[in-house]
């Protein structure tokens, strides 16, 4: 997806068929996968202390968690841009719930961290915010909201060694 976004920007920009808004959308799309990258980098160093190489079975098992969180962050960016809960804002509300259900029932990780709780609270705040017209408040709320989401996502990844169980 990241490679697709980069190629899409280069192709359209070289043909002069891309607008500034489209470039911004592609950049936001690329930024949405930053938590996925953070997740894998941190987990590679935490999953197996005896070896530099990661434990691939754990990485594959916890991949959907990172995908859900990256998708949630992408929905957050899109909802703030278009101010619509009906289009993509719902993904920001549903993704952490799916992540939690996946962690509890599939990975049997029943212990909740404070970071994960803050992430869910922040997601709920964003979903509620999307119901109204956030165009006026967007400049005021977008920076702390994005910062909180990124910090919670990265913090949850770093704190995950207390939640993860052997797969």
C-alpha atoms as a PDB file:
ATOM      1  CA  UNK A   1       0.000   0.000   0.000  1.00  0.00           C
ATOM      2  CA  UNK A   2       2.798   2.384   0.864  1.00  0.00           C
ATOM      3  CA  UNK A   3       4.605   1.643  -2.398  1.00  0.00           C
ATOM      4  CA  UNK A   4       1.328   2.071  -4.271  1.00  0.00           C
ATOM      5  CA  UNK A   5       0.813   5.488  -2.709  1.00  0.00           C
ATOM      6  CA  UNK A   6       4.331   6.653  -3.578  1.00  0.00           C
ATOM      7  CA  UNK A   7       4.074   5.437  -7.169  1.00  0.00           C
ATOM      8  CA  UNK A   8       0.657   7.040  -7.503  1.00  0.00           C
ATOM      9  CA  UNK A   9       2.042  10.417  -6.430  1.00  0.00           C
ATOM     10  CA  UNK A  10       4.993  10.220  -8.844  1.00  0.00           C
ATOM     11  CA  UNK A  11       2.908   9.106 -11.831  1.00  0.00           C
ATOM     12  CA  UNK A  12       0.156  11.664 -11.409  1.00  0.00           C
ATOM     13  CA  UNK A  13       2.549  14.485 -10.581  1.00  0.00           C
ATOM     14  CA  UNK A  14       4.692  13.759 -13.648  1.00  0.00           C
ATOM     15  CA  UNK A  15       1.594  13.895 -15.858  1.00  0.00           C
ATOM     16  CA  UNK A  16       0.379  17.085 -14.162  1.00  0.00           C
ATOM     17  CA  UNK A  17      -2.972  15.417 -13.532  1.00  0.00           C
ATOM     18  CA  UNK A  18      -2.871  15.595  -9.773  1.00  0.00           C
ATOM     19  CA  UNK A  19      -4.140  18.350  -7.563  1.00  0.00           C
ATOM     20  CA  UNK A  20      -2.700  19.605  -4.317  1.00  0.00           C
ATOM     21  CA  UNK A  21      -5.572  18.019  -2.407  1.00  0.00           C
ATOM     22  CA  UNK A  22      -4.866  14.649  -4.025  1.00  0.00           C
ATOM     23  CA  UNK A  23      -1.211  14.862  -3.002  1.00  0.00           C
ATOM     24  CA  UNK A  24      -2.257  15.650   0.555  1.00  0.00           C
ATOM     25  CA  UNK A  25      -4.595  12.651   0.547  1.00  0.00           C
ATOM     26  CA  UNK A  26      -1.815  10.365  -0.658  1.00  0.00           C
ATOM     27  CA  UNK A  27       0.558  11.712   1.989  1.00  0.00           C
ATOM     28  CA  UNK A  28      -2.038  11.138   4.704  1.00  0.00           C
ATOM     29  CA  UNK A  29      -2.530   7.632   3.345  1.00  0.00           C
ATOM     30  CA  UNK A  30       1.199   6.965   3.665  1.00  0.00           C
ATOM     31  CA  UNK A  31       1.297   8.457   7.156  1.00  0.00           C
ATOM     32  CA  UNK A  32      -1.514   6.174   8.251  1.00  0.00           C
ATOM     33  CA  UNK A  33       0.789   3.166   7.985  1.00  0.00           C
ATOM     34  CA  UNK A  34       3.385   4.668  10.324  1.00  0.00           C
ATOM     35  CA  UNK A  35       1.946   2.791  13.345  1.00  0.00           C
ATOM     36  CA  UNK A  36       2.272  -0.428  11.362  1.00  0.00           C
ATOM     37  CA  UNK A  37       5.968   0.272  10.824  1.00  0.00           C
ATOM     38  CA  UNK A  38       6.464   1.250  14.471  1.00  0.00           C
ATOM     39  CA  UNK A  39       4.681  -1.918  15.533  1.00  0.00           C
ATOM     40  CA  UNK A  40       6.922  -4.248  13.560  1.00  0.00           C
ATOM     41  CA  UNK A  41      10.175  -2.460  14.424  1.00  0.00           C
ATOM     42  CA  UNK A  42       9.412  -2.455  18.152  1.00  0.00           C
ATOM     43  CA  UNK A  43       8.088  -5.992  18.164  1.00  0.00           C
ATOM     44  CA  UNK A  44      11.131  -7.323  16.307  1.00  0.00           C
ATOM     45  CA  UNK A  45      13.324  -6.178  19.179  1.00  0.00           C
ATOM     46  CA  UNK A  46      10.930  -7.320  21.911  1.00  0.00           C
ATOM     47  CA  UNK A  47       9.769 -10.683  20.593  1.00  0.00           C
ATOM     48  CA  UNK A  48      13.028 -12.589  20.834  1.00  0.00           C
ATOM     49  CA  UNK A  49      15.799 -11.346  23.108  1.00  0.00           C
ATOM     50  CA  UNK A  50      18.137 -14.243  22.341  1.00  0.00           C
ATOM     51  CA  UNK A  51      18.302 -13.533  18.653  1.00  0.00           C
ATOM     52  CA  UNK A  52      18.279 -10.453  16.480  1.00  0.00           C
ATOM     53  CA  UNK A  53      15.795 -12.044  14.093  1.00  0.00           C
ATOM     54  CA  UNK A  54      12.124 -11.827  15.015  1.00  0.00           C
ATOM     55  CA  UNK A  55       9.840 -14.648  15.927  1.00  0.00           C
ATOM     56  CA  UNK A  56       7.891 -14.912  12.694  1.00  0.00           C
ATOM     57  CA  UNK A  57       4.991 -16.924  14.101  1.00  0.00           C
ATOM     58  CA  UNK A  58       4.281 -14.198  16.648  1.00  0.00           C
ATOM     59  CA  UNK A  59       4.716 -11.475  14.062  1.00  0.00           C
ATOM     60  CA  UNK A  60       2.201 -13.100  11.748  1.00  0.00           C
ATOM     61  CA  UNK A  61      -0.260 -13.653  14.587  1.00  0.00           C
ATOM     62  CA  UNK A  62      -0.093 -10.049  15.777  1.00  0.00           C
ATOM     63  CA  UNK A  63      -0.102  -8.567  12.296  1.00  0.00           C
ATOM     64  CA  UNK A  64      -3.888  -8.010  12.250  1.00  0.00           C
ATOM     65  CA  UNK A  65      -3.617  -5.955  15.438  1.00  0.00           C
ATOM     66  CA  UNK A  66      -1.219  -3.571  13.740  1.00  0.00           C
ATOM     67  CA  UNK A  67      -3.378  -3.477  10.617  1.00  0.00           C
ATOM     68  CA  UNK A  68      -6.466  -2.592  12.643  1.00  0.00           C
ATOM     69  CA  UNK A  69      -4.645   0.212  14.430  1.00  0.00           C
ATOM     70  CA  UNK A  70      -3.130   1.571  11.235  1.00  0.00           C
ATOM     71  CA  UNK A  71      -6.534   1.470   9.577  1.00  0.00           C
ATOM     72  CA  UNK A  72      -8.030   3.251  12.552  1.00  0.00           C
ATOM     73  CA  UNK A  73      -5.458   6.028  12.295  1.00  0.00           C
ATOM     74  CA  UNK A  74      -6.089   6.352   8.561  1.00  0.00           C
ATOM     75  CA  UNK A  75      -9.832   6.656   9.171  1.00  0.00           C
ATOM     76  CA  UNK A  76      -9.113   9.334  11.755  1.00  0.00           C
ATOM     77  CA  UNK A  77      -7.159  11.411   9.244  1.00  0.00           C
ATOM     78  CA  UNK A  78      -9.833  11.013   6.598  1.00  0.00           C
ATOM     79  CA  UNK A  79     -12.707  11.818   8.953  1.00  0.00           C
ATOM     80  CA  UNK A  80     -10.979  14.978  10.137  1.00  0.00           C
ATOM     81  CA  UNK A  81     -10.449  16.011   6.533  1.00  0.00           C
ATOM     82  CA  UNK A  82     -13.938  15.341   5.214  1.00  0.00           C
ATOM     83  CA  UNK A  83     -15.843  15.879   8.492  1.00  0.00           C
ATOM     84  CA  UNK A  84     -18.097  12.909   7.897  1.00  0.00           C
ATOM     85  CA  UNK A  85     -18.812  10.010  10.230  1.00  0.00           C
ATOM     86  CA  UNK A  86     -20.805   8.095   7.618  1.00  0.00           C
ATOM     87  CA  UNK A  87     -17.974   7.691   5.115  1.00  0.00           C
ATOM     88  CA  UNK A  88     -14.837   6.641   6.972  1.00  0.00           C
ATOM     89  CA  UNK A  89     -15.305   7.797  10.550  1.00  0.00           C
ATOM     90  CA  UNK A  90     -16.951   4.511  11.466  1.00  0.00           C
ATOM     91  CA  UNK A  91     -13.718   2.664  10.778  1.00  0.00           C
ATOM     92  CA  UNK A  92     -11.989   4.668  13.471  1.00  0.00           C
ATOM     93  CA  UNK A  93     -14.624   3.572  15.951  1.00  0.00           C
ATOM     94  CA  UNK A  94     -14.830  -0.078  14.901  1.00  0.00           C
ATOM     95  CA  UNK A  95     -11.141  -0.865  14.387  1.00  0.00           C
ATOM     96  CA  UNK A  96     -10.036  -0.689  18.064  1.00  0.00           C
ATOM     97  CA  UNK A  97     -13.031  -2.807  19.058  1.00  0.00           C
ATOM     98  CA  UNK A  98     -12.052  -5.459  16.523  1.00  0.00           C
ATOM     99  CA  UNK A  99      -8.466  -5.211  17.740  1.00  0.00           C
ATOM    100  CA  UNK A 100      -9.500  -5.766  21.339  1.00  0.00           C
ATOM    101  CA  UNK A 101     -11.736  -8.710  20.455  1.00  0.00           C
ATOM    102  CA  UNK A 102      -8.913 -10.225  18.416  1.00  0.00           C
ATOM    103  CA  UNK A 103      -6.465  -9.814  21.289  1.00  0.00           C
ATOM    104  CA  UNK A 104      -8.814 -11.263  23.899  1.00  0.00           C
ATOM    105  CA  UNK A 105     -10.367 -14.203  22.071  1.00  0.00           C
ATOM    106  CA  UNK A 106      -7.736 -15.179  19.493  1.00  0.00           C
ATOM    107  CA  UNK A 107      -4.512 -14.299  21.268  1.00  0.00           C
ATOM    108  CA  UNK A 108      -5.999 -14.798  24.753  1.00  0.00           C
ATOM    109  CA  UNK A 109      -4.509 -11.558  25.969  1.00  0.00           C
ATOM    110  CA  UNK A 110      -7.007 -10.626  28.656  1.00  0.00           C
ATOM    111  CA  UNK A 111      -4.892  -8.073  30.504  1.00  0.00           C
ATOM    112  CA  UNK A 112      -5.620  -4.483  29.597  1.00  0.00           C
ATOM    113  CA  UNK A 113      -3.022  -1.762  29.674  1.00  0.00           C
ATOM    114  CA  UNK A 114      -3.606   1.885  30.469  1.00  0.00           C
ATOM    115  CA  UNK A 115      -2.335   2.834  27.033  1.00  0.00           C
ATOM    116  CA  UNK A 116      -4.867   0.586  25.350  1.00  0.00           C
ATOM    117  CA  UNK A 117      -7.629   2.119  27.456  1.00  0.00           C
ATOM    118  CA  UNK A 118      -6.508   5.629  26.495  1.00  0.00           C
ATOM    119  CA  UNK A 119      -6.433   4.581  22.858  1.00  0.00           C
ATOM    120  CA  UNK A 120     -10.029   3.376  23.014  1.00  0.00           C
ATOM    121  CA  UNK A 121     -11.128   6.530  24.853  1.00  0.00           C
ATOM    122  CA  UNK A 122      -9.428   8.695  22.255  1.00  0.00           C
ATOM    123  CA  UNK A 123     -11.041   6.722  19.473  1.00  0.00           C
ATOM    124  CA  UNK A 124     -14.468   7.180  21.041  1.00  0.00           C
ATOM    125  CA  UNK A 125     -13.816  10.913  21.367  1.00  0.00           C
ATOM    126  CA  UNK A 126     -12.954  11.099  17.695  1.00  0.00           C
ATOM    127  CA  UNK A 127     -16.064   9.164  16.711  1.00  0.00           C
ATOM    128  CA  UNK A 128     -18.288  11.466  18.756  1.00  0.00           C
ATOM    129  CA  UNK A 129     -16.496  14.486  17.322  1.00  0.00           C
ATOM    130  CA  UNK A 130     -17.230  13.277  13.799  1.00  0.00           C
ATOM    131  CA  UNK A 131     -20.982  13.511  14.340  1.00  0.00           C
ATOM    132  CA  UNK A 132     -20.814  17.288  14.368  1.00  0.00           C
ATOM    133  CA  UNK A 133     -19.309  19.774  12.012  1.00  0.00           C
ATOM    134  CA  UNK A 134     -15.653  19.901  13.009  1.00  0.00           C
ATOM    135  CA  UNK A 135     -14.597  22.295  10.280  1.00  0.00           C
ATOM    136  CA  UNK A 136     -14.467  25.218  12.703  1.00  0.00           C
ATOM    137  CA  UNK A 137     -12.809  23.235  15.481  1.00  0.00           C
ATOM    138  CA  UNK A 138     -10.598  21.195  13.189  1.00  0.00           C
ATOM    139  CA  UNK A 139      -7.577  23.461  13.439  1.00  0.00           C
ATOM    140  CA  UNK A 140      -7.841  23.547  17.223  1.00  0.00           C
ATOM    141  CA  UNK A 141      -8.499  19.867  17.886  1.00  0.00           C
ATOM    142  CA  UNK A 142      -6.714  18.083  15.067  1.00  0.00           C
ATOM    143  CA  UNK A 143      -3.156  18.548  16.353  1.00  0.00           C
ATOM    144  CA  UNK A 144      -3.708  17.256  19.915  1.00  0.00           C
ATOM    145  CA  UNK A 145      -6.041  14.529  18.656  1.00  0.00           C
ATOM    146  CA  UNK A 146      -3.536  13.241  16.101  1.00  0.00           C
ATOM    147  CA  UNK A 147      -0.712  13.495  18.633  1.00  0.00           C
ATOM    148  CA  UNK A 148      -2.687  11.578  21.242  1.00  0.00           C
ATOM    149  CA  UNK A 149      -3.587   8.838  18.772  1.00  0.00           C
ATOM    150  CA  UNK A 150      -0.005   8.411  17.595  1.00  0.00           C
ATOM    151  CA  UNK A 151       1.333   8.394  21.165  1.00  0.00           C
ATOM    152  CA  UNK A 152      -1.278   5.889  22.290  1.00  0.00           C
ATOM    153  CA  UNK A 153      -0.633   3.625  19.332  1.00  0.00           C
ATOM    154  CA  UNK A 154       3.140   3.714  19.738  1.00  0.00           C
ATOM    155  CA  UNK A 155       2.856   3.471  23.516  1.00  0.00           C
ATOM    156  CA  UNK A 156       0.578   0.478  23.210  1.00  0.00           C
ATOM    157  CA  UNK A 157       3.124  -1.182  20.965  1.00  0.00           C
ATOM    158  CA  UNK A 158       5.978  -0.561  23.382  1.00  0.00           C
ATOM    159  CA  UNK A 159       3.868  -1.692  26.337  1.00  0.00           C
ATOM    160  CA  UNK A 160       2.751  -4.779  24.441  1.00  0.00           C
ATOM    161  CA  UNK A 161       5.431  -6.992  25.974  1.00  0.00           C
ATOM    162  CA  UNK A 162       3.271  -7.042  29.115  1.00  0.00           C
ATOM    163  CA  UNK A 163       0.219  -8.083  27.119  1.00  0.00           C
ATOM    164  CA  UNK A 164       1.613 -10.484  24.556  1.00  0.00           C
ATOM    165  CA  UNK A 165       1.491 -14.180  25.221  1.00  0.00           C
ATOM    166  CA  UNK A 166       3.368 -16.928  23.433  1.00  0.00           C
ATOM    167  CA  UNK A 167       1.725 -17.973  20.220  1.00  0.00           C
END
